[in-house]
Amino acid sequence: MAPVMSIDTAGIHAFEELNVALKKRGIQLAISNPVGKVITSFRDGGFVDLLGQEWFFLSVSQAVGICSVIVKRKEHALKEASVDDDSKV
């Protein structure tokens, strides 16, 4: 996909709706490589606060790297919880 050079309020609203739909499915939205005007519009429109600054990344590889670590931690926590539940039986 080509970089997005600007975004208007309708675009920000679409991202807000996408974020809500993804959260309902247990999926976290992450934004990578936002150019200056786009990140400024996201910030001014309140989307950075809504999504959380920690979900904006400088590159796709950075986003994938961080998200991979988060997924592995969650998988490990689920396994630990499963082991704890099995030991109680």
PDB file of N, CA and C in Angstrom:
ATOM      1  N   MET A   1       0.840  -1.177   0.000  1.00  0.00           N
ATOM      2  CA  MET A   1       0.000   0.000   0.000  1.00  0.00           C
ATOM      3  C   MET A   1       0.889   1.245   0.000  1.00  0.00           C
ATOM      4  N   ALA A   2       0.489   2.243  -0.724  1.00  0.00           N
ATOM      5  CA  ALA A   2       1.242   3.489  -0.798  1.00  0.00           C
ATOM      6  C   ALA A   2       1.052   4.286   0.493  1.00  0.00           C
ATOM      7  N   PRO A   3       2.054   5.068   0.875  1.00  0.00           N
ATOM      8  CA  PRO A   3       1.902   5.884   2.082  1.00  0.00           C
ATOM      9  C   PRO A   3       0.749   6.882   1.942  1.00  0.00           C
ATOM     10  N   VAL A   4       0.059   7.098   3.019  1.00  0.00           N
ATOM     11  CA  VAL A   4      -1.024   8.091   3.055  1.00  0.00           C
ATOM     12  C   VAL A   4      -0.394   9.424   3.444  1.00  0.00           C
ATOM     13  N   MET A   5      -0.599  10.428   2.620  1.00  0.00           N
ATOM     14  CA  MET A   5       0.057  11.718   2.839  1.00  0.00           C
ATOM     15  C   MET A   5      -0.788  12.687   3.662  1.00  0.00           C
ATOM     16  N   SER A   6      -2.118  12.483   3.699  1.00  0.00           N
ATOM     17  CA  SER A   6      -2.980  13.347   4.508  1.00  0.00           C
ATOM     18  C   SER A   6      -4.262  12.582   4.833  1.00  0.00           C
ATOM     19  N   ILE A   7      -4.987  13.088   5.829  1.00  0.00           N
ATOM     20  CA  ILE A   7      -6.243  12.468   6.239  1.00  0.00           C
ATOM     21  C   ILE A   7      -7.175  13.567   6.732  1.00  0.00           C
ATOM     22  N   ASP A   8      -8.455  13.444   6.422  1.00  0.00           N
ATOM     23  CA  ASP A   8      -9.421  14.441   6.883  1.00  0.00           C
ATOM     24  C   ASP A   8     -10.248  13.854   8.030  1.00  0.00           C
ATOM     25  N   THR A   9     -11.205  14.623   8.514  1.00  0.00           N
ATOM     26  CA  THR A   9     -12.004  14.168   9.659  1.00  0.00           C
ATOM     27  C   THR A   9     -12.817  12.927   9.324  1.00  0.00           C
ATOM     28  N   ALA A  10     -13.267  12.789   8.077  1.00  0.00           N
ATOM     29  CA  ALA A  10     -13.995  11.580   7.679  1.00  0.00           C
ATOM     30  C   ALA A  10     -13.085  10.355   7.766  1.00  0.00           C
ATOM     31  N   GLY A  11     -11.843  10.518   7.373  1.00  0.00           N
ATOM     32  CA  GLY A  11     -10.876   9.425   7.469  1.00  0.00           C
ATOM     33  C   GLY A  11     -10.584   9.052   8.907  1.00  0.00           C
ATOM     34  N   ILE A  12     -10.446  10.049   9.755  1.00  0.00           N
ATOM     35  CA  ILE A  12     -10.216   9.790  11.185  1.00  0.00           C
ATOM     36  C   ILE A  12     -11.412   9.061  11.776  1.00  0.00           C
ATOM     37  N   HIS A  13     -12.609   9.491  11.403  1.00  0.00           N
ATOM     38  CA  HIS A  13     -13.827   8.832  11.891  1.00  0.00           C
ATOM     39  C   HIS A  13     -13.863   7.375  11.434  1.00  0.00           C
ATOM     40  N   ALA A  14     -13.441   7.112  10.211  1.00  0.00           N
ATOM     41  CA  ALA A  14     -13.401   5.737   9.701  1.00  0.00           C
ATOM     42  C   ALA A  14     -12.435   4.896  10.532  1.00  0.00           C
ATOM     43  N   PHE A  15     -11.296   5.459  10.901  1.00  0.00           N
ATOM     44  CA  PHE A  15     -10.353   4.744  11.766  1.00  0.00           C
ATOM     45  C   PHE A  15     -10.956   4.495  13.147  1.00  0.00           C
ATOM     46  N   GLU A  16     -11.703   5.459  13.662  1.00  0.00           N
ATOM     47  CA  GLU A  16     -12.370   5.267  14.958  1.00  0.00           C
ATOM     48  C   GLU A  16     -13.348   4.093  14.885  1.00  0.00           C
ATOM     49  N   GLU A  17     -14.133   4.031  13.810  1.00  0.00           N
ATOM     50  CA  GLU A  17     -15.088   2.941  13.629  1.00  0.00           C
ATOM     51  C   GLU A  17     -14.373   1.604  13.454  1.00  0.00           C
ATOM     52  N   LEU A  18     -13.279   1.609  12.696  1.00  0.00           N
ATOM     53  CA  LEU A  18     -12.488   0.396  12.515  1.00  0.00           C
ATOM     54  C   LEU A  18     -11.945  -0.083  13.858  1.00  0.00           C
ATOM     55  N   ASN A  19     -11.447   0.832  14.660  1.00  0.00           N
ATOM     56  CA  ASN A  19     -10.908   0.483  15.967  1.00  0.00           C
ATOM     57  C   ASN A  19     -11.975  -0.172  16.844  1.00  0.00           C
ATOM     58  N   VAL A  20     -13.175   0.382  16.855  1.00  0.00           N
ATOM     59  CA  VAL A  20     -14.272  -0.190  17.641  1.00  0.00           C
ATOM     60  C   VAL A  20     -14.602  -1.599  17.149  1.00  0.00           C
ATOM     61  N   ALA A  21     -14.712  -1.764  15.836  1.00  0.00           N
ATOM     62  CA  ALA A  21     -15.046  -3.070  15.267  1.00  0.00           C
ATOM     63  C   ALA A  21     -13.965  -4.107  15.587  1.00  0.00           C
ATOM     64  N   LEU A  22     -12.711  -3.709  15.506  1.00  0.00           N
ATOM     65  CA  LEU A  22     -11.625  -4.632  15.812  1.00  0.00           C
ATOM     66  C   LEU A  22     -11.600  -4.994  17.293  1.00  0.00           C
ATOM     67  N   LYS A  23     -11.807  -4.017  18.160  1.00  0.00           N
ATOM     68  CA  LYS A  23     -11.818  -4.285  19.607  1.00  0.00           C
ATOM     69  C   LYS A  23     -12.902  -5.286  19.972  1.00  0.00           C
ATOM     70  N   LYS A  24     -14.062  -5.203  19.313  1.00  0.00           N
ATOM     71  CA  LYS A  24     -15.143  -6.162  19.569  1.00  0.00           C
ATOM     72  C   LYS A  24     -14.706  -7.588  19.260  1.00  0.00           C
ATOM     73  N   ARG A  25     -13.749  -7.725  18.355  1.00  0.00           N
ATOM     74  CA  ARG A  25     -13.238  -9.046  17.966  1.00  0.00           C
ATOM     75  C   ARG A  25     -11.969  -9.411  18.721  1.00  0.00           C
ATOM     76  N   GLY A  26     -11.562  -8.539  19.649  1.00  0.00           N
ATOM     77  CA  GLY A  26     -10.350  -8.802  20.418  1.00  0.00           C
ATOM     78  C   GLY A  26      -9.071  -8.515  19.653  1.00  0.00           C
ATOM     79  N   ILE A  27      -9.144  -7.636  18.664  1.00  0.00           N
ATOM     80  CA  ILE A  27      -7.994  -7.304  17.830  1.00  0.00           C
ATOM     81  C   ILE A  27      -7.558  -5.869  18.115  1.00  0.00           C
ATOM     82  N   GLN A  28      -6.262  -5.675  18.279  1.00  0.00           N
ATOM     83  CA  GLN A  28      -5.703  -4.359  18.539  1.00  0.00           C
ATOM     84  C   GLN A  28      -5.234  -3.727  17.231  1.00  0.00           C
ATOM     85  N   LEU A  29      -5.693  -2.532  16.945  1.00  0.00           N
ATOM     86  CA  LEU A  29      -5.251  -1.770  15.777  1.00  0.00           C
ATOM     87  C   LEU A  29      -3.899  -1.139  16.076  1.00  0.00           C
ATOM     88  N   ALA A  30      -3.004  -1.203  15.112  1.00  0.00           N
ATOM     89  CA  ALA A  30      -1.707  -0.543  15.205  1.00  0.00           C
ATOM     90  C   ALA A  30      -1.495   0.246  13.915  1.00  0.00           C
ATOM     91  N   ILE A  31      -0.912   1.417  14.040  1.00  0.00           N
ATOM     92  CA  ILE A  31      -0.649   2.290  12.900  1.00  0.00           C
ATOM     93  C   ILE A  31       0.863   2.367  12.702  1.00  0.00           C
ATOM     94  N   SER A  32       1.308   2.137  11.464  1.00  0.00           N
ATOM     95  CA  SER A  32       2.740   2.225  11.209  1.00  0.00           C
ATOM     96  C   SER A  32       3.040   3.286  10.151  1.00  0.00           C
ATOM     97  N   ASN A  33       4.192   3.903  10.315  1.00  0.00           N
ATOM     98  CA  ASN A  33       4.735   4.872   9.365  1.00  0.00           C
ATOM     99  C   ASN A  33       3.796   6.036   9.037  1.00  0.00           C
ATOM    100  N   PRO A  34       3.185   6.640  10.050  1.00  0.00           N
ATOM    101  CA  PRO A  34       2.351   7.810   9.740  1.00  0.00           C
ATOM    102  C   PRO A  34       3.239   9.015   9.434  1.00  0.00           C
ATOM    103  N   VAL A  35       2.991   9.639   8.291  1.00  0.00           N
ATOM    104  CA  VAL A  35       3.783  10.823   7.929  1.00  0.00           C
ATOM    105  C   VAL A  35       3.323  12.022   8.757  1.00  0.00           C
ATOM    106  N   GLY A  36       4.094  13.093   8.724  1.00  0.00           N
ATOM    107  CA  GLY A  36       3.855  14.262   9.570  1.00  0.00           C
ATOM    108  C   GLY A  36       2.436  14.786   9.597  1.00  0.00           C
ATOM    109  N   LYS A  37       1.849  15.040   8.424  1.00  0.00           N
ATOM    110  CA  LYS A  37       0.490  15.606   8.385  1.00  0.00           C
ATOM    111  C   LYS A  37      -0.540  14.627   8.944  1.00  0.00           C
ATOM    112  N   VAL A  38      -0.330  13.346   8.696  1.00  0.00           N
ATOM    113  CA  VAL A  38      -1.290  12.342   9.160  1.00  0.00           C
ATOM    114  C   VAL A  38      -1.253  12.241  10.684  1.00  0.00           C
ATOM    115  N   ILE A  39      -0.070  12.130  11.264  1.00  0.00           N
ATOM    116  CA  ILE A  39       0.018  12.009  12.720  1.00  0.00           C
ATOM    117  C   ILE A  39      -0.481  13.279  13.394  1.00  0.00           C
ATOM    118  N   THR A  40      -0.227  14.430  12.780  1.00  0.00           N
ATOM    119  CA  THR A  40      -0.750  15.686  13.327  1.00  0.00           C
ATOM    120  C   THR A  40      -2.271  15.690  13.303  1.00  0.00           C
ATOM    121  N   SER A  41      -2.856  15.235  12.206  1.00  0.00           N
ATOM    122  CA  SER A  41      -4.321  15.158  12.117  1.00  0.00           C
ATOM    123  C   SER A  41      -4.884  14.157  13.117  1.00  0.00           C
ATOM    124  N   PHE A  42      -4.232  13.004  13.258  1.00  0.00           N
ATOM    125  CA  PHE A  42      -4.664  12.018  14.255  1.00  0.00           C
ATOM    126  C   PHE A  42      -4.606  12.620  15.660  1.00  0.00           C
ATOM    127  N   ARG A  43      -3.535  13.336  15.957  1.00  0.00           N
ATOM    128  CA  ARG A  43      -3.379  13.948  17.286  1.00  0.00           C
ATOM    129  C   ARG A  43      -4.429  15.031  17.501  1.00  0.00           C
ATOM    130  N   ASP A  44      -4.575  15.920  16.525  1.00  0.00           N
ATOM    131  CA  ASP A  44      -5.548  17.013  16.647  1.00  0.00           C
ATOM    132  C   ASP A  44      -6.987  16.492  16.717  1.00  0.00           C
ATOM    133  N   GLY A  45      -7.262  15.386  16.037  1.00  0.00           N
ATOM    134  CA  GLY A  45      -8.597  14.794  16.029  1.00  0.00           C
ATOM    135  C   GLY A  45      -8.881  13.904  17.231  1.00  0.00           C
ATOM    136  N   GLY A  46      -7.886  13.720  18.106  1.00  0.00           N
ATOM    137  CA  GLY A  46      -8.080  12.915  19.310  1.00  0.00           C
ATOM    138  C   GLY A  46      -7.877  11.421  19.120  1.00  0.00           C
ATOM    139  N   PHE A  47      -7.499  11.006  17.905  1.00  0.00           N
ATOM    140  CA  PHE A  47      -7.359   9.573  17.653  1.00  0.00           C
ATOM    141  C   PHE A  47      -6.135   8.975  18.344  1.00  0.00           C
ATOM    142  N   VAL A  48      -5.071   9.746  18.493  1.00  0.00           N
ATOM    143  CA  VAL A  48      -3.886   9.242  19.193  1.00  0.00           C
ATOM    144  C   VAL A  48      -4.255   8.913  20.641  1.00  0.00           C
ATOM    145  N   ASP A  49      -5.005   9.795  21.286  1.00  0.00           N
ATOM    146  CA  ASP A  49      -5.439   9.533  22.667  1.00  0.00           C
ATOM    147  C   ASP A  49      -6.394   8.346  22.730  1.00  0.00           C
ATOM    148  N   LEU A  50      -7.264   8.221  21.749  1.00  0.00           N
ATOM    149  CA  LEU A  50      -8.232   7.129  21.724  1.00  0.00           C
ATOM    150  C   LEU A  50      -7.537   5.773  21.554  1.00  0.00           C
ATOM    151  N   LEU A  51      -6.640   5.679  20.581  1.00  0.00           N
ATOM    152  CA  LEU A  51      -5.961   4.421  20.297  1.00  0.00           C
ATOM    153  C   LEU A  51      -4.864   4.149  21.324  1.00  0.00           C
ATOM    154  N   GLY A  52      -4.173   5.197  21.706  1.00  0.00           N
ATOM    155  CA  GLY A  52      -3.028   5.069  22.605  1.00  0.00           C
ATOM    156  C   GLY A  52      -1.748   5.272  21.821  1.00  0.00           C
ATOM    157  N   GLN A  53      -0.929   6.175  22.285  1.00  0.00           N
ATOM    158  CA  GLN A  53       0.310   6.524  21.579  1.00  0.00           C
ATOM    159  C   GLN A  53       1.204   5.303  21.368  1.00  0.00           C
ATOM    160  N   GLU A  54       1.105   4.322  22.264  1.00  0.00           N
ATOM    161  CA  GLU A  54       1.953   3.127  22.165  1.00  0.00           C
ATOM    162  C   GLU A  54       1.638   2.247  20.954  1.00  0.00           C
ATOM    163  N   TRP A  55       0.521   2.538  20.268  1.00  0.00           N
ATOM    164  CA  TRP A  55       0.129   1.752  19.098  1.00  0.00           C
ATOM    165  C   TRP A  55       0.458   2.436  17.778  1.00  0.00           C
ATOM    166  N   PHE A  56       1.295   3.454  17.826  1.00  0.00           N
ATOM    167  CA  PHE A  56       1.802   4.129  16.631  1.00  0.00           C
ATOM    168  C   PHE A  56       3.282   3.787  16.498  1.00  0.00           C
ATOM    169  N   PHE A  57       3.681   3.312  15.321  1.00  0.00           N
ATOM    170  CA  PHE A  57       5.037   2.835  15.107  1.00  0.00           C
ATOM    171  C   PHE A  57       5.676   3.531  13.911  1.00  0.00           C
ATOM    172  N   LEU A  58       6.998   3.632  13.936  1.00  0.00           N
ATOM    173  CA  LEU A  58       7.726   4.281  12.856  1.00  0.00           C
ATOM    174  C   LEU A  58       7.791   3.433  11.598  1.00  0.00           C
ATOM    175  N   SER A  59       7.691   2.114  11.746  1.00  0.00           N
ATOM    176  CA  SER A  59       7.775   1.230  10.581  1.00  0.00           C
ATOM    177  C   SER A  59       6.904  -0.001  10.805  1.00  0.00           C
ATOM    178  N   VAL A  60       6.621  -0.704   9.720  1.00  0.00           N
ATOM    179  CA  VAL A  60       5.858  -1.951   9.816  1.00  0.00           C
ATOM    180  C   VAL A  60       6.657  -2.983  10.605  1.00  0.00           C
ATOM    181  N   SER A  61       7.968  -3.066  10.346  1.00  0.00           N
ATOM    182  CA  SER A  61       8.776  -4.066  11.052  1.00  0.00           C
ATOM    183  C   SER A  61       8.798  -3.797  12.563  1.00  0.00           C
ATOM    184  N   GLN A  62       8.818  -2.536  12.960  1.00  0.00           N
ATOM    185  CA  GLN A  62       8.765  -2.212  14.379  1.00  0.00           C
ATOM    186  C   GLN A  62       7.418  -2.639  14.972  1.00  0.00           C
ATOM    187  N   ALA A  63       6.335  -2.371  14.261  1.00  0.00           N
ATOM    188  CA  ALA A  63       5.002  -2.756  14.731  1.00  0.00           C
ATOM    189  C   ALA A  63       4.886  -4.271  14.859  1.00  0.00           C
ATOM    190  N   VAL A  64       5.342  -4.986  13.842  1.00  0.00           N
ATOM    191  CA  VAL A  64       5.267  -6.451  13.873  1.00  0.00           C
ATOM    192  C   VAL A  64       6.121  -7.007  15.005  1.00  0.00           C
ATOM    193  N   GLY A  65       7.303  -6.450  15.191  1.00  0.00           N
ATOM    194  CA  GLY A  65       8.185  -6.912  16.267  1.00  0.00           C
ATOM    195  C   GLY A  65       7.552  -6.754  17.636  1.00  0.00           C
ATOM    196  N   ILE A  66       7.018  -5.585  17.910  1.00  0.00           N
ATOM    197  CA  ILE A  66       6.390  -5.324  19.214  1.00  0.00           C
ATOM    198  C   ILE A  66       5.143  -6.177  19.382  1.00  0.00           C
ATOM    199  N   CYS A  67       4.315  -6.248  18.362  1.00  0.00           N
ATOM    200  CA  CYS A  67       3.076  -7.039  18.456  1.00  0.00           C
ATOM    201  C   CYS A  67       3.385  -8.516  18.634  1.00  0.00           C
ATOM    202  N   SER A  68       4.447  -9.007  18.010  1.00  0.00           N
ATOM    203  CA  SER A  68       4.846 -10.408  18.184  1.00  0.00           C
ATOM    204  C   SER A  68       5.218 -10.703  19.630  1.00  0.00           C
ATOM    205  N   VAL A  69       5.941  -9.797  20.243  1.00  0.00           N
ATOM    206  CA  VAL A  69       6.313  -9.960  21.662  1.00  0.00           C
ATOM    207  C   VAL A  69       5.059  -9.992  22.532  1.00  0.00           C
ATOM    208  N   ILE A  70       4.126  -9.098  22.266  1.00  0.00           N
ATOM    209  CA  ILE A  70       2.888  -9.039  23.051  1.00  0.00           C
ATOM    210  C   ILE A  70       2.098 -10.334  22.904  1.00  0.00           C
ATOM    211  N   VAL A  71       1.988 -10.840  21.677  1.00  0.00           N
ATOM    212  CA  VAL A  71       1.253 -12.089  21.442  1.00  0.00           C
ATOM    213  C   VAL A  71       1.932 -13.248  22.179  1.00  0.00           C
ATOM    214  N   LYS A  72       3.253 -13.331  22.096  1.00  0.00           N
ATOM    215  CA  LYS A  72       3.979 -14.406  22.790  1.00  0.00           C
ATOM    216  C   LYS A  72       3.771 -14.328  24.295  1.00  0.00           C
ATOM    217  N   ARG A  73       3.779 -13.123  24.859  1.00  0.00           N
ATOM    218  CA  ARG A  73       3.542 -12.971  26.306  1.00  0.00           C
ATOM    219  C   ARG A  73       2.146 -13.433  26.686  1.00  0.00           C
ATOM    220  N   LYS A  74       1.159 -13.081  25.864  1.00  0.00           N
ATOM    221  CA  LYS A  74      -0.215 -13.506  26.144  1.00  0.00           C
ATOM    222  C   LYS A  74      -0.350 -15.017  26.041  1.00  0.00           C
ATOM    223  N   GLU A  75       0.270 -15.611  25.026  1.00  0.00           N
ATOM    224  CA  GLU A  75       0.235 -17.067  24.882  1.00  0.00           C
ATOM    225  C   GLU A  75       0.878 -17.740  26.084  1.00  0.00           C
ATOM    226  N   HIS A  76       2.007 -17.202  26.549  1.00  0.00           N
ATOM    227  CA  HIS A  76       2.694 -17.751  27.713  1.00  0.00           C
ATOM    228  C   HIS A  76       1.813 -17.633  28.957  1.00  0.00           C
ATOM    229  N   ALA A  77       1.171 -16.491  29.127  1.00  0.00           N
ATOM    230  CA  ALA A  77       0.288 -16.296  30.280  1.00  0.00           C
ATOM    231  C   ALA A  77      -0.885 -17.269  30.245  1.00  0.00           C
ATOM    232  N   LEU A  78      -1.435 -17.512  29.061  1.00  0.00           N
ATOM    233  CA  LEU A  78      -2.536 -18.468  28.931  1.00  0.00           C
ATOM    234  C   LEU A  78      -2.081 -19.884  29.268  1.00  0.00           C
ATOM    235  N   LYS A  79      -0.880 -20.258  28.825  1.00  0.00           N
ATOM    236  CA  LYS A  79      -0.346 -21.583  29.149  1.00  0.00           C
ATOM    237  C   LYS A  79      -0.133 -21.724  30.657  1.00  0.00           C
ATOM    238  N   GLU A  80       0.424 -20.678  31.264  1.00  0.00           N
ATOM    239  CA  GLU A  80       0.643 -20.699  32.714  1.00  0.00           C
ATOM    240  C   GLU A  80      -0.674 -20.840  33.467  1.00  0.00           C
ATOM    241  N   ALA A  81      -1.686 -20.116  33.021  1.00  0.00           N
ATOM    242  CA  ALA A  81      -3.005 -20.192  33.665  1.00  0.00           C
ATOM    243  C   ALA A  81      -3.595 -21.584  33.495  1.00  0.00           C
ATOM    244  N   SER A  82      -3.383 -22.186  32.347  1.00  0.00           N
ATOM    245  CA  SER A  82      -3.886 -23.529  32.078  1.00  0.00           C
ATOM    246  C   SER A  82      -3.189 -24.559  32.969  1.00  0.00           C
ATOM    247  N   VAL A  83      -1.882 -24.402  33.141  1.00  0.00           N
ATOM    248  CA  VAL A  83      -1.130 -25.295  34.026  1.00  0.00           C
ATOM    249  C   VAL A  83      -1.603 -25.141  35.454  1.00  0.00           C
ATOM    250  N   ASP A  84      -1.813 -23.915  35.899  1.00  0.00           N
ATOM    251  CA  ASP A  84      -2.307 -23.658  37.256  1.00  0.00           C
ATOM    252  C   ASP A  84      -3.671 -24.291  37.458  1.00  0.00           C
ATOM    253  N   ASP A  85      -4.556 -24.172  36.456  1.00  0.00           N
ATOM    254  CA  ASP A  85      -5.889 -24.757  36.551  1.00  0.00           C
ATOM    255  C   ASP A  85      -5.796 -26.289  36.610  1.00  0.00           C
ATOM    256  N   ASP A  86      -4.910 -26.875  35.821  1.00  0.00           N
ATOM    257  CA  ASP A  86      -4.747 -28.331  35.800  1.00  0.00           C
ATOM    258  C   ASP A  86      -4.204 -28.845  37.123  1.00  0.00           C
ATOM    259  N   SER A  87      -3.352 -28.082  37.770  1.00  0.00           N
ATOM    260  CA  SER A  87      -2.772 -28.538  39.039  1.00  0.00           C
ATOM    261  C   SER A  87      -3.756 -28.466  40.194  1.00  0.00           C
ATOM    262  N   LYS A  88      -4.817 -27.705  40.039  1.00  0.00           N
ATOM    263  CA  LYS A  88      -5.836 -27.591  41.076  1.00  0.00           C
ATOM    264  C   LYS A  88      -6.813 -28.752  41.048  1.00  0.00           C
ATOM    265  N   VAL A  89      -6.831 -29.480  39.950  1.00  0.00           N
ATOM    266  CA  VAL A  89      -7.797 -30.584  39.789  1.00  0.00           C
ATOM    267  C   VAL A  89      -7.353 -31.814  40.496  1.00  0.00           C
TER     268      VAL A  89
END
